[in-house]
Amino acid sequence: MDLSILVSIKLAGPPKRWSLASLTQMITCKELPKPSNIRMGNWEADVLTKQQLQYAATDAYISWYLYEALQSLPDYNAEAEIESVKVS
């Protein structure tokens, strides 16, 4: 699942495309390092470097972590928010 879609279901605000780094920052308040020399390296090589493997494993783990964190939140309900404003 695209985490950007899940964010728009779970959080208020207009839908937007989130980078993994910006979504990590928003949800965990921590920086996800994305060194350009690794990010833009040769990912088609027969053997990946240790740094590429670490980068890929980190991306996979944080994607799972963010998915679980977002799934635990209730769905954003715009109608309920509008009703609560009307009642106030």
PDB file of N, CA and C in Angstrom:
ATOM      1  N   MET A   1       0.842  -1.176   0.000  1.00  0.00           N
ATOM      2  CA  MET A   1       0.000   0.000   0.000  1.00  0.00           C
ATOM      3  C   MET A   1       0.887   1.238   0.000  1.00  0.00           C
ATOM      4  N   ASP A   2       0.495   2.218  -0.772  1.00  0.00           N
ATOM      5  CA  ASP A   2       1.190   3.503  -0.796  1.00  0.00           C
ATOM      6  C   ASP A   2       0.899   4.217   0.527  1.00  0.00           C
ATOM      7  N   LEU A   3       1.937   4.514   1.277  1.00  0.00           N
ATOM      8  CA  LEU A   3       1.746   5.164   2.575  1.00  0.00           C
ATOM      9  C   LEU A   3       1.095   6.531   2.441  1.00  0.00           C
ATOM     10  N   SER A   4       1.279   7.217   1.313  1.00  0.00           N
ATOM     11  CA  SER A   4       0.640   8.524   1.105  1.00  0.00           C
ATOM     12  C   SER A   4      -0.876   8.399   1.119  1.00  0.00           C
ATOM     13  N   ILE A   5      -1.395   7.318   0.552  1.00  0.00           N
ATOM     14  CA  ILE A   5      -2.842   7.085   0.554  1.00  0.00           C
ATOM     15  C   ILE A   5      -3.316   6.836   1.980  1.00  0.00           C
ATOM     16  N   LEU A   6      -2.571   6.026   2.713  1.00  0.00           N
ATOM     17  CA  LEU A   6      -2.940   5.731   4.096  1.00  0.00           C
ATOM     18  C   LEU A   6      -2.921   6.996   4.955  1.00  0.00           C
ATOM     19  N   VAL A   7      -1.961   7.877   4.726  1.00  0.00           N
ATOM     20  CA  VAL A   7      -1.904   9.143   5.466  1.00  0.00           C
ATOM     21  C   VAL A   7      -3.162   9.954   5.211  1.00  0.00           C
ATOM     22  N   SER A   8      -3.612  10.019   3.962  1.00  0.00           N
ATOM     23  CA  SER A   8      -4.806  10.821   3.658  1.00  0.00           C
ATOM     24  C   SER A   8      -6.062  10.211   4.266  1.00  0.00           C
ATOM     25  N   ILE A   9      -6.081   8.897   4.471  1.00  0.00           N
ATOM     26  CA  ILE A   9      -7.219   8.235   5.117  1.00  0.00           C
ATOM     27  C   ILE A   9      -7.206   8.501   6.622  1.00  0.00           C
ATOM     28  N   LYS A  10      -6.019   8.538   7.203  1.00  0.00           N
ATOM     29  CA  LYS A  10      -5.895   8.620   8.655  1.00  0.00           C
ATOM     30  C   LYS A  10      -5.758  10.036   9.213  1.00  0.00           C
ATOM     31  N   LEU A  11      -5.236  10.964   8.426  1.00  0.00           N
ATOM     32  CA  LEU A  11      -4.953  12.301   8.938  1.00  0.00           C
ATOM     33  C   LEU A  11      -5.703  13.359   8.143  1.00  0.00           C
ATOM     34  N   ALA A  12      -5.993  14.459   8.784  1.00  0.00           N
ATOM     35  CA  ALA A  12      -6.683  15.562   8.115  1.00  0.00           C
ATOM     36  C   ALA A  12      -5.740  16.255   7.137  1.00  0.00           C
ATOM     37  N   GLY A  13      -6.328  16.930   6.194  1.00  0.00           N
ATOM     38  CA  GLY A  13      -5.538  17.706   5.245  1.00  0.00           C
ATOM     39  C   GLY A  13      -5.680  17.166   3.844  1.00  0.00           C
ATOM     40  N   PRO A  14      -5.279  17.965   2.882  1.00  0.00           N
ATOM     41  CA  PRO A  14      -5.409  17.539   1.490  1.00  0.00           C
ATOM     42  C   PRO A  14      -4.441  16.404   1.180  1.00  0.00           C
ATOM     43  N   PRO A  15      -4.831  15.500   0.289  1.00  0.00           N
ATOM     44  CA  PRO A  15      -3.920  14.418  -0.102  1.00  0.00           C
ATOM     45  C   PRO A  15      -2.652  14.993  -0.731  1.00  0.00           C
ATOM     46  N   LYS A  16      -1.537  14.384  -0.450  1.00  0.00           N
ATOM     47  CA  LYS A  16      -0.278  14.789  -1.073  1.00  0.00           C
ATOM     48  C   LYS A  16       0.651  13.604  -1.124  1.00  0.00           C
ATOM     49  N   ARG A  17       1.645  13.685  -1.968  1.00  0.00           N
ATOM     50  CA  ARG A  17       2.658  12.638  -2.063  1.00  0.00           C
ATOM     51  C   ARG A  17       3.709  12.901  -0.989  1.00  0.00           C
ATOM     52  N   TRP A  18       3.909  11.942  -0.133  1.00  0.00           N
ATOM     53  CA  TRP A  18       4.896  12.063   0.931  1.00  0.00           C
ATOM     54  C   TRP A  18       6.145  11.287   0.536  1.00  0.00           C
ATOM     55  N   SER A  19       7.296  11.847   0.805  1.00  0.00           N
ATOM     56  CA  SER A  19       8.520  11.056   0.697  1.00  0.00           C
ATOM     57  C   SER A  19       8.619  10.236   1.979  1.00  0.00           C
ATOM     58  N   LEU A  20       9.345   9.146   1.915  1.00  0.00           N
ATOM     59  CA  LEU A  20       9.513   8.320   3.109  1.00  0.00           C
ATOM     60  C   LEU A  20      10.213   9.119   4.210  1.00  0.00           C
ATOM     61  N   ALA A  21      11.175   9.941   3.830  1.00  0.00           N
ATOM     62  CA  ALA A  21      11.899  10.756   4.819  1.00  0.00           C
ATOM     63  C   ALA A  21      10.982  11.774   5.490  1.00  0.00           C
ATOM     64  N   SER A  22      10.139  12.453   4.718  1.00  0.00           N
ATOM     65  CA  SER A  22       9.267  13.474   5.324  1.00  0.00           C
ATOM     66  C   SER A  22       8.170  12.839   6.172  1.00  0.00           C
ATOM     67  N   LEU A  23       7.676  11.694   5.755  1.00  0.00           N
ATOM     68  CA  LEU A  23       6.670  10.987   6.546  1.00  0.00           C
ATOM     69  C   LEU A  23       7.280  10.478   7.854  1.00  0.00           C
ATOM     70  N   THR A  24       8.502   9.978   7.781  1.00  0.00           N
ATOM     71  CA  THR A  24       9.209   9.537   8.988  1.00  0.00           C
ATOM     72  C   THR A  24       9.386  10.702   9.951  1.00  0.00           C
ATOM     73  N   GLN A  25       9.783  11.849   9.431  1.00  0.00           N
ATOM     74  CA  GLN A  25       9.974  13.044  10.265  1.00  0.00           C
ATOM     75  C   GLN A  25       8.664  13.445  10.930  1.00  0.00           C
ATOM     76  N   MET A  26       7.571  13.433  10.172  1.00  0.00           N
ATOM     77  CA  MET A  26       6.288  13.864  10.714  1.00  0.00           C
ATOM     78  C   MET A  26       5.785  12.911  11.810  1.00  0.00           C
ATOM     79  N   ILE A  27       5.917  11.618  11.588  1.00  0.00           N
ATOM     80  CA  ILE A  27       5.332  10.650  12.519  1.00  0.00           C
ATOM     81  C   ILE A  27       6.250  10.340  13.698  1.00  0.00           C
ATOM     82  N   THR A  28       7.541  10.243  13.459  1.00  0.00           N
ATOM     83  CA  THR A  28       8.456   9.842  14.536  1.00  0.00           C
ATOM     84  C   THR A  28       9.276  10.997  15.108  1.00  0.00           C
ATOM     85  N   CYS A  29       9.244  12.150  14.439  1.00  0.00           N
ATOM     86  CA  CYS A  29      10.082  13.295  14.822  1.00  0.00           C
ATOM     87  C   CYS A  29      11.567  12.944  14.765  1.00  0.00           C
ATOM     88  N   LYS A  30      11.911  12.013  13.874  1.00  0.00           N
ATOM     89  CA  LYS A  30      13.307  11.616  13.679  1.00  0.00           C
ATOM     90  C   LYS A  30      13.645  11.720  12.202  1.00  0.00           C
ATOM     91  N   GLU A  31      14.916  11.980  11.941  1.00  0.00           N
ATOM     92  CA  GLU A  31      15.373  12.109  10.562  1.00  0.00           C
ATOM     93  C   GLU A  31      15.712  10.737   9.990  1.00  0.00           C
ATOM     94  N   LEU A  32      15.293  10.496   8.757  1.00  0.00           N
ATOM     95  CA  LEU A  32      15.665   9.284   8.034  1.00  0.00           C
ATOM     96  C   LEU A  32      16.763   9.668   7.048  1.00  0.00           C
ATOM     97  N   PRO A  33      18.001   9.272   7.323  1.00  0.00           N
ATOM     98  CA  PRO A  33      19.093   9.649   6.420  1.00  0.00           C
ATOM     99  C   PRO A  33      18.888   9.041   5.031  1.00  0.00           C
ATOM    100  N   LYS A  34      19.067   9.863   4.010  1.00  0.00           N
ATOM    101  CA  LYS A  34      18.939   9.427   2.619  1.00  0.00           C
ATOM    102  C   LYS A  34      20.137   9.964   1.837  1.00  0.00           C
ATOM    103  N   PRO A  35      21.345   9.452   2.117  1.00  0.00           N
ATOM    104  CA  PRO A  35      22.533   9.968   1.429  1.00  0.00           C
ATOM    105  C   PRO A  35      22.404   9.810  -0.090  1.00  0.00           C
ATOM    106  N   SER A  36      22.619  10.902  -0.808  1.00  0.00           N
ATOM    107  CA  SER A  36      22.419  10.862  -2.260  1.00  0.00           C
ATOM    108  C   SER A  36      23.400   9.920  -2.949  1.00  0.00           C
ATOM    109  N   ASN A  37      24.603   9.760  -2.410  1.00  0.00           N
ATOM    110  CA  ASN A  37      25.557   8.850  -3.050  1.00  0.00           C
ATOM    111  C   ASN A  37      25.076   7.400  -3.002  1.00  0.00           C
ATOM    112  N   ILE A  38      24.289   7.048  -2.004  1.00  0.00           N
ATOM    113  CA  ILE A  38      23.728   5.694  -1.942  1.00  0.00           C
ATOM    114  C   ILE A  38      22.400   5.652  -2.690  1.00  0.00           C
ATOM    115  N   ARG A  39      21.558   6.624  -2.445  1.00  0.00           N
ATOM    116  CA  ARG A  39      20.235   6.671  -3.078  1.00  0.00           C
ATOM    117  C   ARG A  39      20.347   6.643  -4.596  1.00  0.00           C
ATOM    118  N   MET A  40      21.335   7.338  -5.127  1.00  0.00           N
ATOM    119  CA  MET A  40      21.489   7.435  -6.572  1.00  0.00           C
ATOM    120  C   MET A  40      22.591   6.512  -7.098  1.00  0.00           C
ATOM    121  N   GLY A  41      22.981   5.548  -6.280  1.00  0.00           N
ATOM    122  CA  GLY A  41      24.025   4.606  -6.679  1.00  0.00           C
ATOM    123  C   GLY A  41      23.514   3.590  -7.694  1.00  0.00           C
ATOM    124  N   ASN A  42      24.356   2.642  -8.026  1.00  0.00           N
ATOM    125  CA  ASN A  42      24.013   1.614  -9.012  1.00  0.00           C
ATOM    126  C   ASN A  42      23.247   0.478  -8.337  1.00  0.00           C
ATOM    127  N   TRP A  43      21.926   0.552  -8.381  1.00  0.00           N
ATOM    128  CA  TRP A  43      21.074  -0.460  -7.771  1.00  0.00           C
ATOM    129  C   TRP A  43      20.859  -1.657  -8.693  1.00  0.00           C
ATOM    130  N   GLU A  44      21.425  -1.607  -9.893  1.00  0.00           N
ATOM    131  CA  GLU A  44      21.317  -2.729 -10.826  1.00  0.00           C
ATOM    132  C   GLU A  44      22.564  -3.598 -10.812  1.00  0.00           C
ATOM    133  N   ALA A  45      23.497  -3.289  -9.929  1.00  0.00           N
ATOM    134  CA  ALA A  45      24.731  -4.069  -9.836  1.00  0.00           C
ATOM    135  C   ALA A  45      24.406  -5.503  -9.426  1.00  0.00           C
ATOM    136  N   ASP A  46      25.236  -6.441  -9.867  1.00  0.00           N
ATOM    137  CA  ASP A  46      25.033  -7.845  -9.496  1.00  0.00           C
ATOM    138  C   ASP A  46      25.140  -8.041  -7.985  1.00  0.00           C
ATOM    139  N   VAL A  47      26.033  -7.290  -7.362  1.00  0.00           N
ATOM    140  CA  VAL A  47      26.217  -7.368  -5.914  1.00  0.00           C
ATOM    141  C   VAL A  47      26.091  -5.950  -5.354  1.00  0.00           C
ATOM    142  N   LEU A  48      25.172  -5.778  -4.415  1.00  0.00           N
ATOM    143  CA  LEU A  48      24.996  -4.468  -3.782  1.00  0.00           C
ATOM    144  C   LEU A  48      26.041  -4.277  -2.690  1.00  0.00           C
ATOM    145  N   THR A  49      26.388  -3.027  -2.445  1.00  0.00           N
ATOM    146  CA  THR A  49      27.349  -2.726  -1.384  1.00  0.00           C
ATOM    147  C   THR A  49      26.676  -2.903  -0.018  1.00  0.00           C
ATOM    148  N   LYS A  50      27.505  -2.969   1.006  1.00  0.00           N
ATOM    149  CA  LYS A  50      26.983  -3.061   2.369  1.00  0.00           C
ATOM    150  C   LYS A  50      26.101  -1.853   2.681  1.00  0.00           C
ATOM    151  N   GLN A  51      26.500  -0.676   2.205  1.00  0.00           N
ATOM    152  CA  GLN A  51      25.721   0.542   2.443  1.00  0.00           C
ATOM    153  C   GLN A  51      24.365   0.480   1.731  1.00  0.00           C
ATOM    154  N   GLN A  52      24.339  -0.061   0.514  1.00  0.00           N
ATOM    155  CA  GLN A  52      23.074  -0.201  -0.210  1.00  0.00           C
ATOM    156  C   GLN A  52      22.144  -1.183   0.503  1.00  0.00           C
ATOM    157  N   LEU A  53      22.693  -2.271   0.995  1.00  0.00           N
ATOM    158  CA  LEU A  53      21.883  -3.252   1.723  1.00  0.00           C
ATOM    159  C   LEU A  53      21.307  -2.636   2.997  1.00  0.00           C
ATOM    160  N   GLN A  54      22.119  -1.868   3.709  1.00  0.00           N
ATOM    161  CA  GLN A  54      21.652  -1.197   4.926  1.00  0.00           C
ATOM    162  C   GLN A  54      20.558  -0.189   4.593  1.00  0.00           C
ATOM    163  N   TYR A  55      20.746   0.567   3.526  1.00  0.00           N
ATOM    164  CA  TYR A  55      19.775   1.563   3.069  1.00  0.00           C
ATOM    165  C   TYR A  55      18.442   0.881   2.739  1.00  0.00           C
ATOM    166  N   ALA A  56      18.503  -0.212   1.982  1.00  0.00           N
ATOM    167  CA  ALA A  56      17.288  -0.932   1.588  1.00  0.00           C
ATOM    168  C   ALA A  56      16.588  -1.538   2.803  1.00  0.00           C
ATOM    169  N   ALA A  57      17.358  -2.106   3.718  1.00  0.00           N
ATOM    170  CA  ALA A  57      16.769  -2.696   4.922  1.00  0.00           C
ATOM    171  C   ALA A  57      16.122  -1.624   5.793  1.00  0.00           C
ATOM    172  N   THR A  58      16.762  -0.475   5.904  1.00  0.00           N
ATOM    173  CA  THR A  58      16.205   0.629   6.689  1.00  0.00           C
ATOM    174  C   THR A  58      14.905   1.120   6.072  1.00  0.00           C
ATOM    175  N   ASP A  59      14.879   1.286   4.745  1.00  0.00           N
ATOM    176  CA  ASP A  59      13.651   1.706   4.056  1.00  0.00           C
ATOM    177  C   ASP A  59      12.524   0.699   4.279  1.00  0.00           C
ATOM    178  N   ALA A  60      12.847  -0.583   4.173  1.00  0.00           N
ATOM    179  CA  ALA A  60      11.824  -1.618   4.366  1.00  0.00           C
ATOM    180  C   ALA A  60      11.292  -1.581   5.797  1.00  0.00           C
ATOM    181  N   TYR A  61      12.189  -1.492   6.770  1.00  0.00           N
ATOM    182  CA  TYR A  61      11.768  -1.476   8.171  1.00  0.00           C
ATOM    183  C   TYR A  61      10.926  -0.244   8.494  1.00  0.00           C
ATOM    184  N   ILE A  62      11.390   0.941   8.082  1.00  0.00           N
ATOM    185  CA  ILE A  62      10.644   2.155   8.435  1.00  0.00           C
ATOM    186  C   ILE A  62       9.307   2.181   7.708  1.00  0.00           C
ATOM    187  N   SER A  63       9.230   1.625   6.508  1.00  0.00           N
ATOM    188  CA  SER A  63       7.947   1.540   5.795  1.00  0.00           C
ATOM    189  C   SER A  63       6.963   0.690   6.587  1.00  0.00           C
ATOM    190  N   TRP A  64       7.426  -0.454   7.082  1.00  0.00           N
ATOM    191  CA  TRP A  64       6.569  -1.321   7.903  1.00  0.00           C
ATOM    192  C   TRP A  64       6.165  -0.601   9.192  1.00  0.00           C
ATOM    193  N   TYR A  65       7.130   0.037   9.845  1.00  0.00           N
ATOM    194  CA  TYR A  65       6.867   0.736  11.103  1.00  0.00           C
ATOM    195  C   TYR A  65       5.819   1.833  10.914  1.00  0.00           C
ATOM    196  N   LEU A  66       5.976   2.639   9.871  1.00  0.00           N
ATOM    197  CA  LEU A  66       5.022   3.720   9.608  1.00  0.00           C
ATOM    198  C   LEU A  66       3.647   3.166   9.260  1.00  0.00           C
ATOM    199  N   TYR A  67       3.610   2.087   8.494  1.00  0.00           N
ATOM    200  CA  TYR A  67       2.335   1.451   8.159  1.00  0.00           C
ATOM    201  C   TYR A  67       1.613   1.025   9.434  1.00  0.00           C
ATOM    202  N   GLU A  68       2.321   0.360  10.322  1.00  0.00           N
ATOM    203  CA  GLU A  68       1.721  -0.094  11.579  1.00  0.00           C
ATOM    204  C   GLU A  68       1.251   1.092  12.425  1.00  0.00           C
ATOM    205  N   ALA A  69       2.059   2.134  12.508  1.00  0.00           N
ATOM    206  CA  ALA A  69       1.688   3.325  13.284  1.00  0.00           C
ATOM    207  C   ALA A  69       0.440   3.977  12.701  1.00  0.00           C
ATOM    208  N   LEU A  70       0.385   4.109  11.386  1.00  0.00           N
ATOM    209  CA  LEU A  70      -0.781   4.727  10.744  1.00  0.00           C
ATOM    210  C   LEU A  70      -2.020   3.851  10.879  1.00  0.00           C
ATOM    211  N   GLN A  71      -1.859   2.552  10.728  1.00  0.00           N
ATOM    212  CA  GLN A  71      -2.998   1.633  10.846  1.00  0.00           C
ATOM    213  C   GLN A  71      -3.627   1.693  12.233  1.00  0.00           C
ATOM    214  N   SER A  72      -2.824   1.999  13.245  1.00  0.00           N
ATOM    215  CA  SER A  72      -3.348   2.037  14.616  1.00  0.00           C
ATOM    216  C   SER A  72      -4.206   3.279  14.872  1.00  0.00           C
ATOM    217  N   LEU A  73      -4.138   4.256  13.981  1.00  0.00           N
ATOM    218  CA  LEU A  73      -4.930   5.479  14.138  1.00  0.00           C
ATOM    219  C   LEU A  73      -6.338   5.284  13.588  1.00  0.00           C
ATOM    220  N   PRO A  74      -7.322   5.966  14.170  1.00  0.00           N
ATOM    221  CA  PRO A  74      -8.669   5.898  13.585  1.00  0.00           C
ATOM    222  C   PRO A  74      -8.682   6.637  12.251  1.00  0.00           C
ATOM    223  N   ASP A  75      -9.594   6.238  11.369  1.00  0.00           N
ATOM    224  CA  ASP A  75      -9.748   6.937  10.093  1.00  0.00           C
ATOM    225  C   ASP A  75     -10.226   8.355  10.348  1.00  0.00           C
ATOM    226  N   TYR A  76      -9.715   9.293   9.574  1.00  0.00           N
ATOM    227  CA  TYR A  76     -10.162  10.684   9.660  1.00  0.00           C
ATOM    228  C   TYR A  76     -11.575  10.753   9.104  1.00  0.00           C
ATOM    229  N   ASN A  77     -12.465  11.402   9.838  1.00  0.00           N
ATOM    230  CA  ASN A  77     -13.861  11.498   9.426  1.00  0.00           C
ATOM    231  C   ASN A  77     -14.228  12.974   9.315  1.00  0.00           C
ATOM    232  N   ALA A  78     -14.210  13.486   8.093  1.00  0.00           N
ATOM    233  CA  ALA A  78     -14.487  14.907   7.866  1.00  0.00           C
ATOM    234  C   ALA A  78     -15.900  15.273   8.288  1.00  0.00           C
ATOM    235  N   GLU A  79     -16.861  14.384   8.030  1.00  0.00           N
ATOM    236  CA  GLU A  79     -18.247  14.694   8.399  1.00  0.00           C
ATOM    237  C   GLU A  79     -18.400  14.858   9.907  1.00  0.00           C
ATOM    238  N   ALA A  80     -17.762  14.002  10.681  1.00  0.00           N
ATOM    239  CA  ALA A  80     -17.848  14.103  12.141  1.00  0.00           C
ATOM    240  C   ALA A  80     -17.220  15.402  12.630  1.00  0.00           C
ATOM    241  N   GLU A  81     -16.126  15.815  11.996  1.00  0.00           N
ATOM    242  CA  GLU A  81     -15.486  17.069  12.397  1.00  0.00           C
ATOM    243  C   GLU A  81     -16.395  18.255  12.083  1.00  0.00           C
ATOM    244  N   ILE A  82     -17.038  18.232  10.939  1.00  0.00           N
ATOM    245  CA  ILE A  82     -17.963  19.312  10.565  1.00  0.00           C
ATOM    246  C   ILE A  82     -19.126  19.363  11.548  1.00  0.00           C
ATOM    247  N   GLU A  83     -19.668  18.210  11.915  1.00  0.00           N
ATOM    248  CA  GLU A  83     -20.778  18.156  12.875  1.00  0.00           C
ATOM    249  C   GLU A  83     -20.355  18.698  14.234  1.00  0.00           C
ATOM    250  N   SER A  84     -19.135  18.374  14.675  1.00  0.00           N
ATOM    251  CA  SER A  84     -18.687  18.861  15.987  1.00  0.00           C
ATOM    252  C   SER A  84     -18.511  20.376  15.971  1.00  0.00           C
ATOM    253  N   VAL A  85     -18.136  20.941  14.851  1.00  0.00           N
ATOM    254  CA  VAL A  85     -18.008  22.393  14.740  1.00  0.00           C
ATOM    255  C   VAL A  85     -19.388  23.036  14.767  1.00  0.00           C
ATOM    256  N   LYS A  86     -20.362  22.415  14.113  1.00  0.00           N
ATOM    257  CA  LYS A  86     -21.729  22.944  14.100  1.00  0.00           C
ATOM    258  C   LYS A  86     -22.326  22.956  15.504  1.00  0.00           C
ATOM    259  N   VAL A  87     -22.033  21.929  16.296  1.00  0.00           N
ATOM    260  CA  VAL A  87     -22.577  21.802  17.645  1.00  0.00           C
ATOM    261  C   VAL A  87     -21.946  22.826  18.582  1.00  0.00           C
ATOM    262  N   SER A  88     -20.693  23.144  18.375  1.00  0.00           N
ATOM    263  CA  SER A  88     -19.972  24.061  19.274  1.00  0.00           C
ATOM    264  C   SER A  88     -20.521  25.439  19.307  1.00  0.00           C
TER     265      SER A  88
END
